[in-house]
Amino acid sequence: MKYTPPRIKPAELKMTPMIDVIFLLLVFFVCTANFVPTEEILPMHTSLPGSVDAGEVLPDPLNLDTLLIKITFDGAVRWQAAENRCTTLEEVLHILRSIWEVKADIPVIIESADNVAGENVLDVYDVCRRVGLLNVQFAAY
């Protein structure tokens, strides 16, 4: 008598439960996503050079007393605030605090080089806010 092994049916993959799980994950991620642009998170008014709102009058730049903070990177991050070169954020903090004591509403412009990381720019912004300087702008090129 000839022995014939029983035929085993190949297992079928059911795609419907897998598609359901993928769809539920997609719905979950879409519902929990944050669609607020990062530019709207920072509490400041930014406008490009040359643009003026209807009710806004820009002051004369020649009579405006501003504080320029330059950030450069040459192997290490360097700051220049009020013509003073700084090697640490603590030095920048002390300079900004002394300027704030003299004129609290001075406009601050943060100018960074192209190779400076964004976190270093935001660190300077945070230091300005911590000191109390609220009129902070970013230089746009």
N, C-alpha and C. Protein backbone atom coordinates (compact mmCIF):
# COMPACT_ATOMS: atom_id res chain seq x y z
N MET A 1 0.82 -1.15 0.00
CA MET A 1 0.00 0.00 0.00
C MET A 1 0.89 1.25 0.00
N LYS A 2 0.49 2.17 -0.77
CA LYS A 2 1.29 3.36 -0.97
C LYS A 2 0.82 4.43 0.03
N TYR A 3 1.80 4.99 0.74
CA TYR A 3 1.47 6.03 1.75
C TYR A 3 1.48 7.41 1.09
N THR A 4 0.43 8.14 1.28
CA THR A 4 0.35 9.51 0.79
C THR A 4 0.17 10.44 1.98
N PRO A 5 1.09 11.36 2.18
CA PRO A 5 0.97 12.27 3.31
C PRO A 5 -0.26 13.17 3.12
N PRO A 6 -0.86 13.56 4.23
CA PRO A 6 -2.03 14.44 4.10
C PRO A 6 -1.62 15.82 3.57
N ARG A 7 -2.49 16.37 2.77
CA ARG A 7 -2.21 17.66 2.18
C ARG A 7 -2.52 18.76 3.21
N ILE A 8 -1.53 19.62 3.39
CA ILE A 8 -1.70 20.75 4.31
C ILE A 8 -1.98 21.98 3.48
N LYS A 9 -3.09 22.65 3.80
CA LYS A 9 -3.43 23.86 3.08
C LYS A 9 -2.50 24.98 3.54
N PRO A 10 -2.00 25.78 2.60
CA PRO A 10 -1.17 26.92 3.03
C PRO A 10 -2.03 27.91 3.83
N ALA A 11 -1.43 28.49 4.83
CA ALA A 11 -2.15 29.44 5.68
C ALA A 11 -2.47 30.69 4.89
N GLU A 12 -3.68 31.15 5.05
CA GLU A 12 -4.09 32.36 4.36
C GLU A 12 -3.85 33.57 5.27
N LEU A 13 -3.28 34.60 4.70
CA LEU A 13 -3.10 35.82 5.45
C LEU A 13 -4.34 36.68 5.26
N LYS A 14 -4.95 37.02 6.36
CA LYS A 14 -6.13 37.87 6.27
C LYS A 14 -5.67 39.31 6.37
N MET A 15 -5.90 40.06 5.32
CA MET A 15 -5.43 41.43 5.24
C MET A 15 -6.38 42.42 5.91
N THR A 16 -7.63 42.06 6.06
CA THR A 16 -8.61 42.99 6.61
C THR A 16 -8.26 43.46 8.02
N PRO A 17 -7.89 42.59 8.96
CA PRO A 17 -7.51 43.10 10.29
C PRO A 17 -6.26 43.98 10.26
N MET A 18 -5.31 43.64 9.38
CA MET A 18 -4.10 44.44 9.30
C MET A 18 -4.42 45.84 8.76
N ILE A 19 -5.28 45.92 7.77
CA ILE A 19 -5.68 47.22 7.22
C ILE A 19 -6.44 48.01 8.27
N ASP A 20 -7.27 47.35 9.05
CA ASP A 20 -8.01 48.03 10.13
C ASP A 20 -7.06 48.63 11.16
N VAL A 21 -6.04 47.88 11.53
CA VAL A 21 -5.07 48.37 12.51
C VAL A 21 -4.30 49.56 11.95
N ILE A 22 -3.88 49.48 10.71
CA ILE A 22 -3.14 50.58 10.08
C ILE A 22 -4.03 51.82 10.01
N PHE A 23 -5.29 51.64 9.64
CA PHE A 23 -6.22 52.77 9.58
C PHE A 23 -6.41 53.40 10.95
N LEU A 24 -6.55 52.58 12.00
CA LEU A 24 -6.71 53.13 13.35
C LEU A 24 -5.46 53.89 13.79
N LEU A 25 -4.27 53.39 13.47
CA LEU A 25 -3.04 54.11 13.79
C LEU A 25 -2.98 55.44 13.04
N LEU A 26 -3.36 55.43 11.79
CA LEU A 26 -3.36 56.66 11.01
C LEU A 26 -4.32 57.69 11.60
N VAL A 27 -5.51 57.26 11.97
CA VAL A 27 -6.47 58.17 12.58
C VAL A 27 -5.94 58.70 13.90
N PHE A 28 -5.30 57.84 14.70
CA PHE A 28 -4.73 58.26 15.98
C PHE A 28 -3.67 59.34 15.78
N PHE A 29 -2.74 59.14 14.84
CA PHE A 29 -1.67 60.11 14.63
C PHE A 29 -2.20 61.42 14.06
N VAL A 30 -3.19 61.36 13.20
CA VAL A 30 -3.76 62.59 12.66
C VAL A 30 -4.49 63.37 13.74
N CYS A 31 -5.19 62.67 14.62
CA CYS A 31 -5.93 63.36 15.69
C CYS A 31 -5.01 63.96 16.75
N THR A 32 -3.86 63.38 16.97
CA THR A 32 -2.96 63.89 18.00
C THR A 32 -1.87 64.81 17.45
N ALA A 33 -1.84 65.02 16.14
CA ALA A 33 -0.82 65.88 15.53
C ALA A 33 -1.08 67.33 15.90
N ASN A 34 0.00 68.08 16.02
CA ASN A 34 -0.07 69.50 16.33
C ASN A 34 0.23 70.27 15.05
N PHE A 35 -0.76 70.99 14.54
CA PHE A 35 -0.61 71.68 13.27
C PHE A 35 -0.31 73.16 13.43
N VAL A 36 0.13 73.61 14.60
CA VAL A 36 0.44 75.02 14.82
C VAL A 36 1.86 75.26 14.32
N PRO A 37 2.05 76.19 13.40
CA PRO A 37 3.40 76.48 12.92
C PRO A 37 4.26 77.03 14.07
N THR A 38 5.54 76.70 14.06
CA THR A 38 6.42 77.12 15.14
C THR A 38 6.58 78.63 15.20
N GLU A 39 6.34 79.33 14.08
CA GLU A 39 6.47 80.78 14.09
C GLU A 39 5.42 81.43 14.97
N GLU A 40 4.27 80.79 15.14
CA GLU A 40 3.21 81.38 15.93
C GLU A 40 3.37 81.10 17.43
N ILE A 41 4.31 80.26 17.80
CA ILE A 41 4.51 79.93 19.20
C ILE A 41 5.28 81.05 19.92
N LEU A 42 6.23 81.67 19.23
CA LEU A 42 7.03 82.71 19.84
C LEU A 42 6.18 83.96 20.06
N PRO A 43 6.19 84.53 21.27
CA PRO A 43 5.34 85.70 21.56
C PRO A 43 5.96 87.00 21.09
N MET A 44 6.00 87.22 19.79
CA MET A 44 6.56 88.46 19.26
C MET A 44 5.94 88.76 17.91
N HIS A 45 6.01 90.02 17.53
CA HIS A 45 5.48 90.45 16.24
C HIS A 45 6.64 90.53 15.26
N THR A 46 6.55 89.79 14.18
CA THR A 46 7.60 89.84 13.17
C THR A 46 7.01 90.34 11.87
N SER A 47 7.78 91.13 11.17
CA SER A 47 7.38 91.58 9.85
C SER A 47 8.62 91.69 8.99
N LEU A 48 8.45 91.42 7.72
CA LEU A 48 9.57 91.49 6.80
C LEU A 48 9.90 92.94 6.50
N PRO A 49 11.17 93.22 6.17
CA PRO A 49 11.52 94.60 5.83
C PRO A 49 10.71 95.10 4.65
N GLY A 50 10.17 96.31 4.77
CA GLY A 50 9.40 96.88 3.70
C GLY A 50 7.91 96.64 3.81
N SER A 51 7.47 95.73 4.70
CA SER A 51 6.04 95.51 4.85
C SER A 51 5.53 96.30 6.03
N VAL A 52 4.39 96.97 5.84
CA VAL A 52 3.80 97.80 6.88
C VAL A 52 2.33 97.44 6.99
N ASP A 53 1.84 97.22 8.22
CA ASP A 53 0.42 97.00 8.43
C ASP A 53 -0.32 98.30 8.18
N ALA A 54 -1.64 98.22 8.00
CA ALA A 54 -2.43 99.40 7.67
C ALA A 54 -2.38 100.43 8.78
N GLY A 55 -2.48 100.02 10.05
CA GLY A 55 -2.51 100.99 11.14
C GLY A 55 -1.18 101.18 11.82
N GLU A 56 -0.11 100.60 11.28
CA GLU A 56 1.19 100.63 11.95
C GLU A 56 2.11 101.62 11.25
N VAL A 57 2.75 102.46 12.03
CA VAL A 57 3.73 103.40 11.48
C VAL A 57 5.08 103.02 12.05
N LEU A 58 6.02 102.71 11.16
CA LEU A 58 7.35 102.32 11.61
C LEU A 58 8.15 103.56 12.00
N PRO A 59 8.91 103.48 13.10
CA PRO A 59 9.71 104.62 13.50
C PRO A 59 10.87 104.85 12.54
N ASP A 60 11.40 106.06 12.56
CA ASP A 60 12.53 106.40 11.71
C ASP A 60 13.75 105.62 12.19
N PRO A 61 14.38 104.81 11.32
CA PRO A 61 15.50 103.99 11.77
C PRO A 61 16.71 104.81 12.23
N LEU A 62 16.84 106.06 11.78
CA LEU A 62 17.98 106.86 12.19
C LEU A 62 17.84 107.32 13.65
N ASN A 63 16.61 107.53 14.12
CA ASN A 63 16.40 107.99 15.48
C ASN A 63 16.13 106.86 16.45
N LEU A 64 16.13 105.62 15.97
CA LEU A 64 15.81 104.48 16.81
C LEU A 64 17.08 103.95 17.48
N ASP A 65 17.02 103.77 18.77
CA ASP A 65 18.14 103.25 19.53
C ASP A 65 17.91 101.76 19.71
N THR A 66 18.69 100.93 19.04
CA THR A 66 18.48 99.48 19.10
C THR A 66 19.71 98.78 19.66
N LEU A 67 19.48 97.57 20.12
CA LEU A 67 20.56 96.72 20.61
C LEU A 67 20.70 95.56 19.63
N LEU A 68 21.87 95.41 19.04
CA LEU A 68 22.13 94.36 18.08
C LEU A 68 22.95 93.27 18.75
N ILE A 69 22.45 92.04 18.69
CA ILE A 69 23.19 90.88 19.21
C ILE A 69 23.57 90.02 18.02
N LYS A 70 24.86 89.86 17.79
CA LYS A 70 25.36 89.04 16.69
C LYS A 70 25.82 87.70 17.23
N ILE A 71 25.45 86.63 16.53
CA ILE A 71 25.87 85.28 16.91
C ILE A 71 26.68 84.70 15.77
N THR A 72 27.88 84.25 16.07
CA THR A 72 28.75 83.65 15.06
C THR A 72 29.22 82.28 15.54
N PHE A 73 29.69 81.48 14.60
CA PHE A 73 30.20 80.15 14.94
C PHE A 73 31.48 79.93 14.17
N ASP A 74 32.58 79.79 14.93
CA ASP A 74 33.88 79.48 14.32
C ASP A 74 34.54 78.37 15.14
N GLY A 75 33.88 77.24 15.20
CA GLY A 75 34.34 76.14 16.05
C GLY A 75 33.65 76.18 17.40
N ALA A 76 33.29 77.35 17.84
CA ALA A 76 32.52 77.55 19.07
C ALA A 76 31.60 78.74 18.85
N VAL A 77 30.52 78.75 19.58
CA VAL A 77 29.55 79.83 19.43
C VAL A 77 30.08 81.07 20.13
N ARG A 78 30.01 82.22 19.45
CA ARG A 78 30.44 83.50 20.00
C ARG A 78 29.29 84.48 19.87
N TRP A 79 29.18 85.38 20.84
CA TRP A 79 28.14 86.39 20.84
C TRP A 79 28.79 87.77 20.90
N GLN A 80 28.12 88.74 20.33
CA GLN A 80 28.55 90.12 20.43
C GLN A 80 27.29 90.94 20.74
N ALA A 81 27.27 91.50 21.95
CA ALA A 81 26.12 92.29 22.39
C ALA A 81 26.61 93.66 22.81
N ALA A 82 26.03 94.69 22.22
CA ALA A 82 26.40 96.08 22.53
C ALA A 82 27.90 96.29 22.39
N GLU A 83 28.44 95.81 21.29
CA GLU A 83 29.87 95.94 20.97
C GLU A 83 30.78 95.21 21.95
N ASN A 84 30.25 94.34 22.79
CA ASN A 84 31.04 93.54 23.73
C ASN A 84 31.05 92.10 23.24
N ARG A 85 32.24 91.54 23.13
CA ARG A 85 32.34 90.15 22.71
C ARG A 85 32.16 89.24 23.92
N CYS A 86 31.35 88.20 23.75
CA CYS A 86 31.04 87.28 24.85
C CYS A 86 31.34 85.86 24.42
N THR A 87 31.78 85.05 25.37
CA THR A 87 32.05 83.64 25.09
C THR A 87 31.03 82.72 25.75
N THR A 88 30.24 83.24 26.68
CA THR A 88 29.21 82.43 27.34
C THR A 88 27.89 83.19 27.35
N LEU A 89 26.82 82.45 27.50
CA LEU A 89 25.50 83.07 27.59
C LEU A 89 25.35 83.87 28.89
N GLU A 90 26.08 83.49 29.91
CA GLU A 90 26.02 84.24 31.18
C GLU A 90 26.54 85.67 30.99
N GLU A 91 27.59 85.82 30.19
CA GLU A 91 28.09 87.17 29.91
C GLU A 91 27.04 87.98 29.15
N VAL A 92 26.38 87.34 28.20
CA VAL A 92 25.31 88.02 27.45
C VAL A 92 24.19 88.41 28.41
N LEU A 93 23.86 87.52 29.34
CA LEU A 93 22.81 87.79 30.32
C LEU A 93 23.14 89.01 31.17
N HIS A 94 24.39 89.11 31.63
CA HIS A 94 24.81 90.26 32.45
C HIS A 94 24.75 91.57 31.65
N ILE A 95 25.18 91.52 30.41
CA ILE A 95 25.14 92.73 29.57
C ILE A 95 23.70 93.15 29.33
N LEU A 96 22.84 92.20 29.00
CA LEU A 96 21.44 92.52 28.74
C LEU A 96 20.75 93.04 30.00
N ARG A 97 21.09 92.47 31.14
CA ARG A 97 20.48 92.93 32.39
C ARG A 97 20.90 94.37 32.70
N SER A 98 22.17 94.71 32.45
CA SER A 98 22.61 96.08 32.71
C SER A 98 21.97 97.06 31.72
N ILE A 99 21.77 96.64 30.48
CA ILE A 99 21.10 97.50 29.51
C ILE A 99 19.63 97.65 29.87
N TRP A 100 18.99 96.59 30.33
CA TRP A 100 17.58 96.64 30.71
C TRP A 100 17.35 97.61 31.87
N GLU A 101 18.32 97.69 32.78
CA GLU A 101 18.18 98.61 33.91
C GLU A 101 18.19 100.07 33.44
N VAL A 102 18.89 100.35 32.35
CA VAL A 102 18.95 101.70 31.82
C VAL A 102 17.73 102.00 30.94
N LYS A 103 17.42 101.09 30.03
CA LYS A 103 16.30 101.30 29.11
C LYS A 103 15.60 99.95 28.89
N ALA A 104 14.46 99.77 29.54
CA ALA A 104 13.77 98.47 29.52
C ALA A 104 13.04 98.20 28.21
N ASP A 105 12.72 99.23 27.46
CA ASP A 105 11.94 99.02 26.24
C ASP A 105 12.80 99.12 24.97
N ILE A 106 14.09 98.89 25.09
CA ILE A 106 14.98 98.97 23.93
C ILE A 106 14.68 97.81 22.97
N PRO A 107 14.58 98.08 21.68
CA PRO A 107 14.38 97.00 20.71
C PRO A 107 15.67 96.20 20.54
N VAL A 108 15.52 94.89 20.53
CA VAL A 108 16.66 93.99 20.38
C VAL A 108 16.54 93.28 19.03
N ILE A 109 17.64 93.27 18.29
CA ILE A 109 17.69 92.55 17.02
C ILE A 109 18.74 91.46 17.15
N ILE A 110 18.32 90.22 16.89
CA ILE A 110 19.23 89.07 16.94
C ILE A 110 19.63 88.73 15.51
N GLU A 111 20.92 88.80 15.26
CA GLU A 111 21.46 88.51 13.92
C GLU A 111 22.39 87.32 14.05
N SER A 112 22.14 86.28 13.28
CA SER A 112 22.99 85.08 13.37
C SER A 112 23.61 84.78 12.02
N ALA A 113 24.78 84.18 12.08
CA ALA A 113 25.45 83.75 10.85
C ALA A 113 24.74 82.52 10.29
N ASP A 114 25.04 82.19 9.06
CA ASP A 114 24.37 81.07 8.41
C ASP A 114 24.67 79.72 9.06
N ASN A 115 25.85 79.56 9.63
CA ASN A 115 26.24 78.27 10.18
C ASN A 115 25.90 78.12 11.67
N VAL A 116 25.13 79.03 12.23
CA VAL A 116 24.74 78.96 13.64
C VAL A 116 23.48 78.11 13.75
N ALA A 117 23.47 77.18 14.71
CA ALA A 117 22.31 76.32 14.92
C ALA A 117 21.14 77.13 15.47
N GLY A 118 19.95 76.72 15.14
CA GLY A 118 18.75 77.41 15.58
C GLY A 118 18.59 77.43 17.09
N GLU A 119 19.06 76.37 17.76
CA GLU A 119 18.94 76.33 19.22
C GLU A 119 19.77 77.43 19.88
N ASN A 120 20.89 77.81 19.28
CA ASN A 120 21.70 78.90 19.84
C ASN A 120 20.98 80.24 19.71
N VAL A 121 20.27 80.43 18.60
CA VAL A 121 19.50 81.65 18.41
C VAL A 121 18.36 81.71 19.43
N LEU A 122 17.68 80.58 19.64
CA LEU A 122 16.59 80.54 20.60
C LEU A 122 17.09 80.69 22.03
N ASP A 123 18.32 80.26 22.31
CA ASP A 123 18.90 80.48 23.64
C ASP A 123 19.04 81.97 23.91
N VAL A 124 19.51 82.73 22.93
CA VAL A 124 19.64 84.18 23.09
C VAL A 124 18.26 84.81 23.26
N TYR A 125 17.29 84.34 22.48
CA TYR A 125 15.92 84.84 22.61
C TYR A 125 15.39 84.59 24.03
N ASP A 126 15.63 83.39 24.56
CA ASP A 126 15.19 83.07 25.92
C ASP A 126 15.86 83.95 26.96
N VAL A 127 17.14 84.25 26.76
CA VAL A 127 17.86 85.13 27.69
C VAL A 127 17.25 86.52 27.66
N CYS A 128 16.92 87.01 26.48
CA CYS A 128 16.28 88.34 26.37
C CYS A 128 14.95 88.35 27.11
N ARG A 129 14.15 87.32 26.94
CA ARG A 129 12.86 87.25 27.61
C ARG A 129 13.02 87.13 29.12
N ARG A 130 14.04 86.38 29.56
CA ARG A 130 14.28 86.20 30.99
C ARG A 130 14.67 87.53 31.65
N VAL A 131 15.43 88.34 30.94
CA VAL A 131 15.85 89.63 31.47
C VAL A 131 14.67 90.59 31.53
N GLY A 132 13.76 90.49 30.57
CA GLY A 132 12.61 91.38 30.53
C GLY A 132 12.53 92.20 29.26
N LEU A 133 13.42 91.94 28.33
CA LEU A 133 13.38 92.63 27.04
C LEU A 133 12.34 91.94 26.17
N LEU A 134 11.25 92.65 25.89
CA LEU A 134 10.13 92.04 25.21
C LEU A 134 10.07 92.37 23.72
N ASN A 135 10.76 93.40 23.30
CA ASN A 135 10.75 93.81 21.90
C ASN A 135 11.95 93.17 21.19
N VAL A 136 11.83 91.87 20.90
CA VAL A 136 12.93 91.10 20.29
C VAL A 136 12.54 90.77 18.86
N GLN A 137 13.45 91.01 17.94
CA GLN A 137 13.23 90.72 16.53
C GLN A 137 14.41 89.94 15.99
N PHE A 138 14.18 89.22 14.91
CA PHE A 138 15.24 88.46 14.25
C PHE A 138 15.58 89.15 12.94
N ALA A 139 16.87 89.27 12.66
CA ALA A 139 17.30 89.87 11.40
C ALA A 139 17.03 88.89 10.27
N ALA A 140 16.40 89.38 9.21
CA ALA A 140 16.07 88.55 8.06
C ALA A 140 16.85 89.04 6.85
N TYR A 141 17.48 88.12 6.15
CA TYR A 141 18.26 88.47 4.96
C TYR A 141 17.69 87.77 3.77
